[in-house]
PDB file of N, CA and C in Angstrom:
ATOM      1  N   MET A   1      65.961  50.244  11.534  1.00  0.00           N
ATOM      2  CA  MET A   1      64.645  50.028  10.957  1.00  0.00           C
ATOM      3  C   MET A   1      63.588  50.492  11.952  1.00  0.00           C
ATOM      4  N   THR A   2      62.641  51.269  11.460  1.00  0.00           N
ATOM      5  CA  THR A   2      61.565  51.731  12.334  1.00  0.00           C
ATOM      6  C   THR A   2      60.576  50.583  12.580  1.00  0.00           C
ATOM      7  N   THR A   3      59.748  50.768  13.577  1.00  0.00           N
ATOM      8  CA  THR A   3      58.712  49.772  13.855  1.00  0.00           C
ATOM      9  C   THR A   3      57.797  49.633  12.648  1.00  0.00           C
ATOM     10  N   ARG A   4      57.446  50.735  12.028  1.00  0.00           N
ATOM     11  CA  ARG A   4      56.560  50.721  10.851  1.00  0.00           C
ATOM     12  C   ARG A   4      57.187  49.911   9.727  1.00  0.00           C
ATOM     13  N   GLU A   5      58.488  50.092   9.505  1.00  0.00           N
ATOM     14  CA  GLU A   5      59.177  49.334   8.459  1.00  0.00           C
ATOM     15  C   GLU A   5      59.206  47.844   8.781  1.00  0.00           C
ATOM     16  N   ALA A   6      59.434  47.519  10.056  1.00  0.00           N
ATOM     17  CA  ALA A   6      59.445  46.117  10.480  1.00  0.00           C
ATOM     18  C   ALA A   6      58.070  45.482  10.277  1.00  0.00           C
ATOM     19  N   VAL A   7      57.028  46.202  10.659  1.00  0.00           N
ATOM     20  CA  VAL A   7      55.653  45.709  10.490  1.00  0.00           C
ATOM     21  C   VAL A   7      55.348  45.505   9.007  1.00  0.00           C
ATOM     22  N   THR A   8      55.775  46.428   8.180  1.00  0.00           N
ATOM     23  CA  THR A   8      55.553  46.323   6.736  1.00  0.00           C
ATOM     24  C   THR A   8      56.229  45.073   6.176  1.00  0.00           C
ATOM     25  N   GLU A   9      57.465  44.820   6.587  1.00  0.00           N
ATOM     26  CA  GLU A   9      58.188  43.640   6.111  1.00  0.00           C
ATOM     27  C   GLU A   9      57.522  42.351   6.571  1.00  0.00           C
ATOM     28  N   ILE A  10      57.082  42.316   7.806  1.00  0.00           N
ATOM     29  CA  ILE A  10      56.387  41.136   8.327  1.00  0.00           C
ATOM     30  C   ILE A  10      55.109  40.895   7.527  1.00  0.00           C
ATOM     31  N   MET A  11      54.350  41.947   7.299  1.00  0.00           N
ATOM     32  CA  MET A  11      53.096  41.806   6.573  1.00  0.00           C
ATOM     33  C   MET A  11      53.337  41.353   5.133  1.00  0.00           C
ATOM     34  N   LYS A  12      54.417  41.811   4.515  1.00  0.00           N
ATOM     35  CA  LYS A  12      54.741  41.385   3.153  1.00  0.00           C
ATOM     36  C   LYS A  12      55.024  39.887   3.098  1.00  0.00           C
ATOM     37  N   ARG A  13      55.611  39.348   4.155  1.00  0.00           N
ATOM     38  CA  ARG A  13      55.867  37.907   4.202  1.00  0.00           C
ATOM     39  C   ARG A  13      54.574  37.123   4.409  1.00  0.00           C
ATOM     40  N   ILE A  14      53.676  37.663   5.220  1.00  0.00           N
ATOM     41  CA  ILE A  14      52.415  36.977   5.513  1.00  0.00           C
ATOM     42  C   ILE A  14      51.448  37.074   4.337  1.00  0.00           C
ATOM     43  N   LYS A  15      51.422  38.216   3.696  1.00  0.00           N
ATOM     44  CA  LYS A  15      50.469  38.460   2.597  1.00  0.00           C
ATOM     45  C   LYS A  15      51.213  39.044   1.399  1.00  0.00           C
ATOM     46  N   PRO A  16      52.067  38.249   0.755  1.00  0.00           N
ATOM     47  CA  PRO A  16      52.907  38.785  -0.327  1.00  0.00           C
ATOM     48  C   PRO A  16      52.141  39.234  -1.573  1.00  0.00           C
ATOM     49  N   THR A  17      50.923  38.774  -1.741  1.00  0.00           N
ATOM     50  CA  THR A  17      50.162  39.123  -2.947  1.00  0.00           C
ATOM     51  C   THR A  17      49.380  40.421  -2.817  1.00  0.00           C
ATOM     52  N   LYS A  18      49.349  41.003  -1.636  1.00  0.00           N
ATOM     53  CA  LYS A  18      48.579  42.236  -1.412  1.00  0.00           C
ATOM     54  C   LYS A  18      49.494  43.359  -0.951  1.00  0.00           C
ATOM     55  N   ASN A  19      49.281  44.547  -1.511  1.00  0.00           N
ATOM     56  CA  ASN A  19      49.962  45.738  -1.018  1.00  0.00           C
ATOM     57  C   ASN A  19      49.020  46.390  -0.007  1.00  0.00           C
ATOM     58  N   LEU A  20      49.378  46.278   1.263  1.00  0.00           N
ATOM     59  CA  LEU A  20      48.518  46.790   2.333  1.00  0.00           C
ATOM     60  C   LEU A  20      49.007  48.128   2.877  1.00  0.00           C
ATOM     61  N   GLU A  21      49.896  48.753   2.156  1.00  0.00           N
ATOM     62  CA  GLU A  21      50.537  49.997   2.604  1.00  0.00           C
ATOM     63  C   GLU A  21      49.542  51.072   3.040  1.00  0.00           C
ATOM     64  N   ASN A  22      48.511  51.296   2.274  1.00  0.00           N
ATOM     65  CA  ASN A  22      47.565  52.375   2.576  1.00  0.00           C
ATOM     66  C   ASN A  22      46.174  51.871   2.958  1.00  0.00           C
ATOM     67  N   VAL A  23      46.056  50.600   3.237  1.00  0.00           N
ATOM     68  CA  VAL A  23      44.765  50.013   3.597  1.00  0.00           C
ATOM     69  C   VAL A  23      44.449  50.364   5.047  1.00  0.00           C
ATOM     70  N   GLN A  24      43.221  50.780   5.293  1.00  0.00           N
ATOM     71  CA  GLN A  24      42.797  51.195   6.631  1.00  0.00           C
ATOM     72  C   GLN A  24      41.807  50.224   7.275  1.00  0.00           C
ATOM     73  N   ASP A  25      41.545  49.099   6.610  1.00  0.00           N
ATOM     74  CA  ASP A  25      40.610  48.107   7.160  1.00  0.00           C
ATOM     75  C   ASP A  25      41.120  46.690   6.901  1.00  0.00           C
ATOM     76  N   ILE A  26      42.379  46.454   7.253  1.00  0.00           N
ATOM     77  CA  ILE A  26      43.019  45.170   6.978  1.00  0.00           C
ATOM     78  C   ILE A  26      42.195  44.007   7.534  1.00  0.00           C
ATOM     79  N   VAL A  27      41.781  44.100   8.776  1.00  0.00           N
ATOM     80  CA  VAL A  27      41.001  43.029   9.398  1.00  0.00           C
ATOM     81  C   VAL A  27      39.540  43.117   8.971  1.00  0.00           C
ATOM     82  N   GLU A  28      38.943  44.265   9.196  1.00  0.00           N
ATOM     83  CA  GLU A  28      37.509  44.423   8.922  1.00  0.00           C
ATOM     84  C   GLU A  28      37.176  44.296   7.437  1.00  0.00           C
ATOM     85  N   GLY A  29      38.135  44.603   6.567  1.00  0.00           N
ATOM     86  CA  GLY A  29      37.911  44.488   5.127  1.00  0.00           C
ATOM     87  C   GLY A  29      38.215  43.102   4.584  1.00  0.00           C
ATOM     88  N   GLY A  30      38.671  42.211   5.456  1.00  0.00           N
ATOM     89  CA  GLY A  30      38.934  40.845   5.039  1.00  0.00           C
ATOM     90  C   GLY A  30      40.221  40.651   4.247  1.00  0.00           C
ATOM     91  N   TYR A  31      41.153  41.584   4.378  1.00  0.00           N
ATOM     92  CA  TYR A  31      42.419  41.450   3.656  1.00  0.00           C
ATOM     93  C   TYR A  31      43.281  40.322   4.219  1.00  0.00           C
ATOM     94  N   ILE A  32      43.118  40.019   5.506  1.00  0.00           N
ATOM     95  CA  ILE A  32      43.787  38.860   6.090  1.00  0.00           C
ATOM     96  C   ILE A  32      42.748  38.007   6.816  1.00  0.00           C
ATOM     97  N   ASP A  33      42.973  36.701   6.802  1.00  0.00           N
ATOM     98  CA  ASP A  33      42.041  35.807   7.483  1.00  0.00           C
ATOM     99  C   ASP A  33      42.525  35.550   8.914  1.00  0.00           C
ATOM    100  N   SER A  34      41.791  34.768   9.651  1.00  0.00           N
ATOM    101  CA  SER A  34      42.113  34.542  11.068  1.00  0.00           C
ATOM    102  C   SER A  34      43.448  33.828  11.235  1.00  0.00           C
ATOM    103  N   PHE A  35      43.775  32.908  10.343  1.00  0.00           N
ATOM    104  CA  PHE A  35      45.070  32.221  10.428  1.00  0.00           C
ATOM    105  C   PHE A  35      46.206  33.214  10.194  1.00  0.00           C
ATOM    106  N   GLU A  36      46.054  34.073   9.195  1.00  0.00           N
ATOM    107  CA  GLU A  36      47.082  35.081   8.915  1.00  0.00           C
ATOM    108  C   GLU A  36      47.210  36.067  10.068  1.00  0.00           C
ATOM    109  N   LEU A  37      46.103  36.406  10.706  1.00  0.00           N
ATOM    110  CA  LEU A  37      46.153  37.297  11.862  1.00  0.00           C
ATOM    111  C   LEU A  37      46.939  36.651  13.001  1.00  0.00           C
ATOM    112  N   MET A  38      46.677  35.379  13.250  1.00  0.00           N
ATOM    113  CA  MET A  38      47.407  34.689  14.323  1.00  0.00           C
ATOM    114  C   MET A  38      48.894  34.574  13.975  1.00  0.00           C
ATOM    115  N   THR A  39      49.199  34.352  12.703  1.00  0.00           N
ATOM    116  CA  THR A  39      50.593  34.317  12.254  1.00  0.00           C
ATOM    117  C   THR A  39      51.241  35.680  12.471  1.00  0.00           C
ATOM    118  N   LEU A  40      50.514  36.741  12.151  1.00  0.00           N
ATOM    119  CA  LEU A  40      51.018  38.103  12.356  1.00  0.00           C
ATOM    120  C   LEU A  40      51.311  38.349  13.829  1.00  0.00           C
ATOM    121  N   ILE A  41      50.394  37.976  14.697  1.00  0.00           N
ATOM    122  CA  ILE A  41      50.568  38.184  16.138  1.00  0.00           C
ATOM    123  C   ILE A  41      51.790  37.421  16.641  1.00  0.00           C
ATOM    124  N   ALA A  42      51.941  36.170  16.237  1.00  0.00           N
ATOM    125  CA  ALA A  42      53.085  35.366  16.670  1.00  0.00           C
ATOM    126  C   ALA A  42      54.396  35.937  16.138  1.00  0.00           C
ATOM    127  N   THR A  43      54.391  36.385  14.896  1.00  0.00           N
ATOM    128  CA  THR A  43      55.600  36.950  14.300  1.00  0.00           C
ATOM    129  C   THR A  43      55.978  38.269  14.959  1.00  0.00           C
ATOM    130  N   LEU A  44      54.997  39.114  15.228  1.00  0.00           N
ATOM    131  CA  LEU A  44      55.273  40.366  15.942  1.00  0.00           C
ATOM    132  C   LEU A  44      55.872  40.077  17.314  1.00  0.00           C
ATOM    133  N   ALA A  45      55.314  39.102  18.007  1.00  0.00           N
ATOM    134  CA  ALA A  45      55.825  38.734  19.331  1.00  0.00           C
ATOM    135  C   ALA A  45      57.286  38.300  19.234  1.00  0.00           C
ATOM    136  N   ASP A  46      57.595  37.453  18.262  1.00  0.00           N
ATOM    137  CA  ASP A  46      58.956  36.936  18.109  1.00  0.00           C
ATOM    138  C   ASP A  46      59.940  37.996  17.645  1.00  0.00           C
ATOM    139  N   GLU A  47      59.573  38.728  16.601  1.00  0.00           N
ATOM    140  CA  GLU A  47      60.527  39.635  15.961  1.00  0.00           C
ATOM    141  C   GLU A  47      60.576  41.025  16.585  1.00  0.00           C
ATOM    142  N   CYS A  48      59.479  41.448  17.183  1.00  0.00           N
ATOM    143  CA  CYS A  48      59.450  42.779  17.801  1.00  0.00           C
ATOM    144  C   CYS A  48      59.568  42.698  19.323  1.00  0.00           C
ATOM    145  N   HIS A  49      59.632  41.479  19.834  1.00  0.00           N
ATOM    146  CA  HIS A  49      59.829  41.248  21.270  1.00  0.00           C
ATOM    147  C   HIS A  49      58.760  41.918  22.131  1.00  0.00           C
ATOM    148  N   VAL A  50      57.506  41.644  21.779  1.00  0.00           N
ATOM    149  CA  VAL A  50      56.376  42.146  22.555  1.00  0.00           C
ATOM    150  C   VAL A  50      55.444  40.998  22.892  1.00  0.00           C
ATOM    151  N   ASP A  51      54.724  41.148  23.981  1.00  0.00           N
ATOM    152  CA  ASP A  51      53.679  40.204  24.351  1.00  0.00           C
ATOM    153  C   ASP A  51      52.342  40.850  24.030  1.00  0.00           C
ATOM    154  N   ILE A  52      51.617  40.267  23.107  1.00  0.00           N
ATOM    155  CA  ILE A  52      50.324  40.804  22.700  1.00  0.00           C
ATOM    156  C   ILE A  52      49.246  40.012  23.422  1.00  0.00           C
ATOM    157  N   SER A  53      48.585  40.677  24.362  1.00  0.00           N
ATOM    158  CA  SER A  53      47.553  39.998  25.143  1.00  0.00           C
ATOM    159  C   SER A  53      46.249  39.961  24.370  1.00  0.00           C
ATOM    160  N   ILE A  54      45.346  39.154  24.847  1.00  0.00           N
ATOM    161  CA  ILE A  54      44.026  39.028  24.220  1.00  0.00           C
ATOM    162  C   ILE A  54      43.316  40.387  24.160  1.00  0.00           C
ATOM    163  N   ASP A  55      43.572  41.248  25.143  1.00  0.00           N
ATOM    164  CA  ASP A  55      42.938  42.575  25.178  1.00  0.00           C
ATOM    165  C   ASP A  55      43.363  43.460  24.009  1.00  0.00           C
ATOM    166  N   GLU A  56      44.569  43.213  23.477  1.00  0.00           N
ATOM    167  CA  GLU A  56      45.063  44.018  22.356  1.00  0.00           C
ATOM    168  C   GLU A  56      44.593  43.506  21.003  1.00  0.00           C
ATOM    169  N   ILE A  57      44.022  42.296  20.971  1.00  0.00           N
ATOM    170  CA  ILE A  57      43.619  41.713  19.701  1.00  0.00           C
ATOM    171  C   ILE A  57      42.209  42.196  19.350  1.00  0.00           C
ATOM    172  N   VAL A  58      42.180  43.437  18.881  1.00  0.00           N
ATOM    173  CA  VAL A  58      40.946  44.091  18.442  1.00  0.00           C
ATOM    174  C   VAL A  58      41.208  44.692  17.057  1.00  0.00           C
ATOM    175  N   PRO A  59      40.180  44.797  16.225  1.00  0.00           N
ATOM    176  CA  PRO A  59      40.389  45.304  14.869  1.00  0.00           C
ATOM    177  C   PRO A  59      41.123  46.648  14.817  1.00  0.00           C
ATOM    178  N   GLU A  60      40.830  47.531  15.756  1.00  0.00           N
ATOM    179  CA  GLU A  60      41.466  48.857  15.730  1.00  0.00           C
ATOM    180  C   GLU A  60      42.994  48.766  15.755  1.00  0.00           C
ATOM    181  N   ASN A  61      43.538  47.748  16.398  1.00  0.00           N
ATOM    182  CA  ASN A  61      44.987  47.603  16.483  1.00  0.00           C
ATOM    183  C   ASN A  61      45.594  46.926  15.258  1.00  0.00           C
ATOM    184  N   PHE A  62      44.766  46.366  14.383  1.00  0.00           N
ATOM    185  CA  PHE A  62      45.277  45.597  13.256  1.00  0.00           C
ATOM    186  C   PHE A  62      44.706  46.031  11.906  1.00  0.00           C
ATOM    187  N   ASN A  63      43.984  47.141  11.851  1.00  0.00           N
ATOM    188  CA  ASN A  63      43.347  47.553  10.603  1.00  0.00           C
ATOM    189  C   ASN A  63      44.266  48.314   9.655  1.00  0.00           C
ATOM    190  N   SER A  64      45.437  48.753  10.138  1.00  0.00           N
ATOM    191  CA  SER A  64      46.389  49.415   9.248  1.00  0.00           C
ATOM    192  C   SER A  64      47.798  49.131   9.745  1.00  0.00           C
ATOM    193  N   LEU A  65      48.763  49.304   8.863  1.00  0.00           N
ATOM    194  CA  LEU A  65      50.153  49.102   9.255  1.00  0.00           C
ATOM    195  C   LEU A  65      50.550  50.118  10.323  1.00  0.00           C
ATOM    196  N   ASP A  66      50.023  51.345  10.217  1.00  0.00           N
ATOM    197  CA  ASP A  66      50.308  52.360  11.228  1.00  0.00           C
ATOM    198  C   ASP A  66      49.753  51.956  12.595  1.00  0.00           C
ATOM    199  N   ALA A  67      48.537  51.412  12.609  1.00  0.00           N
ATOM    200  CA  ALA A  67      47.925  50.991  13.874  1.00  0.00           C
ATOM    201  C   ALA A  67      48.714  49.852  14.510  1.00  0.00           C
ATOM    202  N   ILE A  68      49.178  48.916  13.694  1.00  0.00           N
ATOM    203  CA  ILE A  68      49.972  47.800  14.211  1.00  0.00           C
ATOM    204  C   ILE A  68      51.279  48.321  14.798  1.00  0.00           C
ATOM    205  N   ALA A  69      51.944  49.212  14.080  1.00  0.00           N
ATOM    206  CA  ALA A  69      53.207  49.774  14.558  1.00  0.00           C
ATOM    207  C   ALA A  69      52.999  50.556  15.858  1.00  0.00           C
ATOM    208  N   LYS A  70      51.918  51.318  15.928  1.00  0.00           N
ATOM    209  CA  LYS A  70      51.620  52.086  17.147  1.00  0.00           C
ATOM    210  C   LYS A  70      51.408  51.143  18.324  1.00  0.00           C
ATOM    211  N   MET A  71      50.665  50.046  18.103  1.00  0.00           N
ATOM    212  CA  MET A  71      50.432  49.079  19.171  1.00  0.00           C
ATOM    213  C   MET A  71      51.757  48.474  19.645  1.00  0.00           C
ATOM    214  N   VAL A  72      52.620  48.098  18.713  1.00  0.00           N
ATOM    215  CA  VAL A  72      53.915  47.519  19.071  1.00  0.00           C
ATOM    216  C   VAL A  72      54.733  48.519  19.881  1.00  0.00           C
ATOM    217  N   ASP A  73      54.793  49.766  19.429  1.00  0.00           N
ATOM    218  CA  ASP A  73      55.538  50.796  20.170  1.00  0.00           C
ATOM    219  C   ASP A  73      54.963  51.011  21.564  1.00  0.00           C
ATOM    220  N   THR A  74      53.639  51.015  21.678  1.00  0.00           N
ATOM    221  CA  THR A  74      52.983  51.179  22.978  1.00  0.00           C
ATOM    222  C   THR A  74      53.323  50.012  23.903  1.00  0.00           C
ATOM    223  N   LEU A  75      53.281  48.803  23.376  1.00  0.00           N
ATOM    224  CA  LEU A  75      53.604  47.622  24.181  1.00  0.00           C
ATOM    225  C   LEU A  75      55.066  47.636  24.620  1.00  0.00           C
ATOM    226  N   ARG A  76      55.946  48.049  23.731  1.00  0.00           N
ATOM    227  CA  ARG A  76      57.374  48.147  24.094  1.00  0.00           C
ATOM    228  C   ARG A  76      57.574  49.168  25.219  1.00  0.00           C
ATOM    229  N   ALA A  77      56.888  50.293  25.130  1.00  0.00           N
ATOM    230  CA  ALA A  77      57.023  51.342  26.145  1.00  0.00           C
ATOM    231  C   ALA A  77      56.490  50.865  27.493  1.00  0.00           C
ATOM    232  N   LYS A  78      55.388  50.123  27.470  1.00  0.00           N
ATOM    233  CA  LYS A  78      54.774  49.608  28.697  1.00  0.00           C
ATOM    234  C   LYS A  78      55.676  48.611  29.399  1.00  0.00           C
ATOM    235  N   HIS A  79      56.263  47.733  28.610  1.00  0.00           N
ATOM    236  CA  HIS A  79      57.007  46.617  29.191  1.00  0.00           C
ATOM    237  C   HIS A  79      58.507  46.784  29.071  1.00  0.00           C
ATOM    238  N   GLY A  80      58.903  47.959  28.558  1.00  0.00           N
ATOM    239  CA  GLY A  80      60.257  48.369  28.304  1.00  0.00           C
ATOM    240  C   GLY A  80      61.335  47.601  28.814  1.00  0.00           C
TER     241      GLY A  80
END
């Protein structure tokens, strides 16, 4: 499973009523609330084995599934 596929599955569990596949403003557009964002961060940490620091919690890293996957891949490469 690719990182993008894993992120998609996680997001489907957090927000099952919304198809966020092609959304480019997940955070800024209000598609997820702050509780769902924190759930996403905790789930990514657990399931993707990354530590997401406060510096990474910016809209640019969470506004699309591609951006989330890129952040996870970058964090994995850094802390490999």
